[in-house]
C-alpha atoms as a PDB file:
ATOM      1  CA  MET A   1      -1.886 -33.062   7.955  1.00  0.00           C
ATOM      2  CA  THR A   2      -2.441 -30.863  10.959  1.00  0.00           C
ATOM      3  CA  SER A   3      -0.144 -28.306  12.421  1.00  0.00           C
ATOM      4  CA  SER A   4      -0.358 -25.781  15.175  1.00  0.00           C
ATOM      5  CA  HIS A   5       0.620 -22.180  14.775  1.00  0.00           C
ATOM      6  CA  LYS A   6       0.994 -19.541  17.389  1.00  0.00           C
ATOM      7  CA  ILE A   7      -0.755 -16.401  16.229  1.00  0.00           C
ATOM      8  CA  VAL A   8       0.681 -13.190  17.581  1.00  0.00           C
ATOM      9  CA  ILE A   9      -1.097  -9.907  17.001  1.00  0.00           C
ATOM     10  CA  ILE A  10       1.340  -7.033  16.766  1.00  0.00           C
ATOM     11  CA  ASN A  11       0.315  -3.417  16.638  1.00  0.00           C
ATOM     12  CA  GLU A  12       2.178  -0.161  16.991  1.00  0.00           C
ATOM     13  CA  ALA A  13       1.781  -0.145  20.776  1.00  0.00           C
ATOM     14  CA  SER A  14       3.388  -3.577  21.151  1.00  0.00           C
ATOM     15  CA  LEU A  15       6.084  -3.085  18.511  1.00  0.00           C
ATOM     16  CA  GLY A  16       8.724  -2.076  21.042  1.00  0.00           C
ATOM     17  CA  GLU A  17       7.955  -5.156  23.145  1.00  0.00           C
ATOM     18  CA  LEU A  18       8.589  -7.583  20.280  1.00  0.00           C
ATOM     19  CA  ASN A  19      11.064 -10.219  21.385  1.00  0.00           C
ATOM     20  CA  PRO A  20      12.512 -11.823  18.252  1.00  0.00           C
ATOM     21  CA  THR A  21      13.601 -14.927  20.144  1.00  0.00           C
ATOM     22  CA  GLU A  22       9.925 -15.686  20.813  1.00  0.00           C
ATOM     23  CA  ILE A  23       9.032 -15.675  17.115  1.00  0.00           C
ATOM     24  CA  LYS A  24       9.740 -19.048  15.602  1.00  0.00           C
ATOM     25  CA  GLY A  25       8.039 -18.519  12.296  1.00  0.00           C
ATOM     26  CA  THR A  26       7.360 -15.926   9.676  1.00  0.00           C
ATOM     27  CA  LEU A  27       5.771 -12.554  10.192  1.00  0.00           C
ATOM     28  CA  LEU A  28       3.200 -11.681   7.534  1.00  0.00           C
ATOM     29  CA  THR A  29       2.696  -7.966   7.122  1.00  0.00           C
ATOM     30  CA  SER A  30       2.779  -5.286   4.497  1.00  0.00           C
ATOM     31  CA  ASP A  31       3.392  -2.544   7.032  1.00  0.00           C
ATOM     32  CA  LYS A  32       6.699  -0.963   6.016  1.00  0.00           C
ATOM     33  CA  THR A  33       7.727   0.057   9.544  1.00  0.00           C
ATOM     34  CA  LEU A  34       6.984  -3.366  10.976  1.00  0.00           C
ATOM     35  CA  LYS A  35       8.792  -5.100   8.093  1.00  0.00           C
ATOM     36  CA  GLN A  36      11.903  -2.980   8.649  1.00  0.00           C
ATOM     37  CA  PHE A  37      11.815  -3.542  12.401  1.00  0.00           C
ATOM     38  CA  ALA A  38      11.315  -7.299  12.055  1.00  0.00           C
ATOM     39  CA  SER A  39      14.111  -7.543   9.488  1.00  0.00           C
ATOM     40  CA  SER A  40      16.435  -5.627  11.796  1.00  0.00           C
ATOM     41  CA  LYS A  41      15.672  -8.217  14.499  1.00  0.00           C
ATOM     42  CA  LYS A  42      16.380 -11.102  12.080  1.00  0.00           C
ATOM     43  CA  VAL A  43      12.733 -12.204  12.020  1.00  0.00           C
ATOM     44  CA  ALA A  44      11.582 -13.736   8.725  1.00  0.00           C
ATOM     45  CA  VAL A  45       9.024 -11.392   7.193  1.00  0.00           C
ATOM     46  CA  HIS A  46       6.915 -11.448   4.044  1.00  0.00           C
ATOM     47  CA  GLY A  47       4.054  -9.425   2.620  1.00  0.00           C
ATOM     48  CA  HIS A  48       1.053  -9.642   0.314  1.00  0.00           C
ATOM     49  CA  LEU A  49       2.940 -10.458  -2.881  1.00  0.00           C
ATOM     50  CA  TRP A  50       4.787 -13.342  -1.275  1.00  0.00           C
ATOM     51  CA  LEU A  51       1.576 -14.746   0.194  1.00  0.00           C
ATOM     52  CA  LEU A  52      -0.344 -14.464  -3.079  1.00  0.00           C
ATOM     53  CA  ASP A  53       2.547 -16.057  -4.950  1.00  0.00           C
ATOM     54  CA  LEU A  54       2.653 -18.947  -2.480  1.00  0.00           C
ATOM     55  CA  MET A  55      -1.104 -19.468  -2.788  1.00  0.00           C
ATOM     56  CA  VAL A  56      -0.824 -19.640  -6.580  1.00  0.00           C
ATOM     57  CA  GLU A  57       2.145 -21.996  -6.335  1.00  0.00           C
ATOM     58  CA  GLN A  58       0.182 -24.290  -3.996  1.00  0.00           C
ATOM     59  CA  GLN A  59      -2.909 -24.027  -6.212  1.00  0.00           C
ATOM     60  CA  GLN A  60      -5.004 -22.364  -3.526  1.00  0.00           C
ATOM     61  CA  LEU A  61      -5.688 -19.511  -5.962  1.00  0.00           C
ATOM     62  CA  THR A  62      -5.506 -19.343  -9.724  1.00  0.00           C
ATOM     63  CA  GLY A  63      -3.186 -16.762 -11.231  1.00  0.00           C
ATOM     64  CA  LYS A  64      -6.219 -14.881 -12.464  1.00  0.00           C
ATOM     65  CA  GLN A  65      -7.689 -14.785  -8.933  1.00  0.00           C
ATOM     66  CA  ALA A  66      -4.389 -13.605  -7.431  1.00  0.00           C
ATOM     67  CA  ASN A  67      -4.102 -10.877 -10.057  1.00  0.00           C
ATOM     68  CA  ALA A  68      -7.673  -9.717  -9.406  1.00  0.00           C
ATOM     69  CA  TYR A  69      -7.065  -9.663  -5.660  1.00  0.00           C
ATOM     70  CA  LEU A  70      -3.840  -7.704  -6.090  1.00  0.00           C
ATOM     71  CA  LYS A  71      -5.619  -5.183  -8.305  1.00  0.00           C
ATOM     72  CA  ARG A  72      -8.373  -4.748  -5.691  1.00  0.00           C
ATOM     73  CA  LEU A  73      -5.824  -4.601  -2.867  1.00  0.00           C
ATOM     74  CA  LYS A  74      -3.947  -1.775  -4.567  1.00  0.00           C
ATOM     75  CA  SER A  75      -6.992   0.242  -5.588  1.00  0.00           C
ATOM     76  CA  ASP A  76      -9.649  -0.338  -2.920  1.00  0.00           C
ATOM     77  CA  ILE A  77      -8.464  -2.221   0.141  1.00  0.00           C
ATOM     78  CA  ASN A  78      -5.212  -0.396   0.898  1.00  0.00           C
ATOM     79  CA  PRO A  79      -3.868   1.964  -1.757  1.00  0.00           C
ATOM     80  CA  LYS A  80      -1.187   3.148   0.703  1.00  0.00           C
ATOM     81  CA  LEU A  81       0.707  -0.163   0.546  1.00  0.00           C
ATOM     82  CA  GLY A  82       3.090   1.229  -2.040  1.00  0.00           C
ATOM     83  CA  LEU A  83       2.975  -1.812  -4.303  1.00  0.00           C
ATOM     84  CA  SER A  84       4.297  -0.249  -7.492  1.00  0.00           C
ATOM     85  CA  ASP A  85       3.500  -1.625 -10.933  1.00  0.00           C
ATOM     86  CA  ARG A  86       7.244  -2.282 -11.361  1.00  0.00           C
ATOM     87  CA  LEU A  87       7.263  -4.416  -8.208  1.00  0.00           C
ATOM     88  CA  CYS A  88       4.053  -6.277  -9.075  1.00  0.00           C
ATOM     89  CA  GLN A  89       4.759  -6.934 -12.761  1.00  0.00           C
ATOM     90  CA  PRO A  90       7.004 -10.019 -12.350  1.00  0.00           C
ATOM     91  CA  PHE A  91       4.383 -11.631 -10.126  1.00  0.00           C
ATOM     92  CA  ARG A  92       1.561 -10.843 -12.533  1.00  0.00           C
ATOM     93  CA  ALA A  93       3.578 -12.161 -15.480  1.00  0.00           C
ATOM     94  CA  ARG A  94       4.220 -15.428 -13.640  1.00  0.00           C
ATOM     95  CA  TRP A  95       0.604 -15.792 -12.505  1.00  0.00           C
ATOM     96  CA  LEU A  96      -0.966 -15.083 -15.879  1.00  0.00           C
ATOM     97  CA  ASN A  97       1.332 -17.258 -18.010  1.00  0.00           C
END
């Protein structure tokens, strides 16, 4: 199955120019400001946990791989994401059981 996706790169400079009627998909970001802005414009938005969970569900990653990636994401890649243990625990429990 093939599908086409429009990829839109959004940064802080272009945030104010975002036209929600042009976005016919889901915004993937873990940037808190961008998530809040997109939500306020009724744009579907998801972050790292959602994406990892989807990849496990679709068997693109094992639960163990997703857990290892999340651990690395929190400690090395971007510790400023604010992914608390309380927030991550339900995902980890699902992935590792």
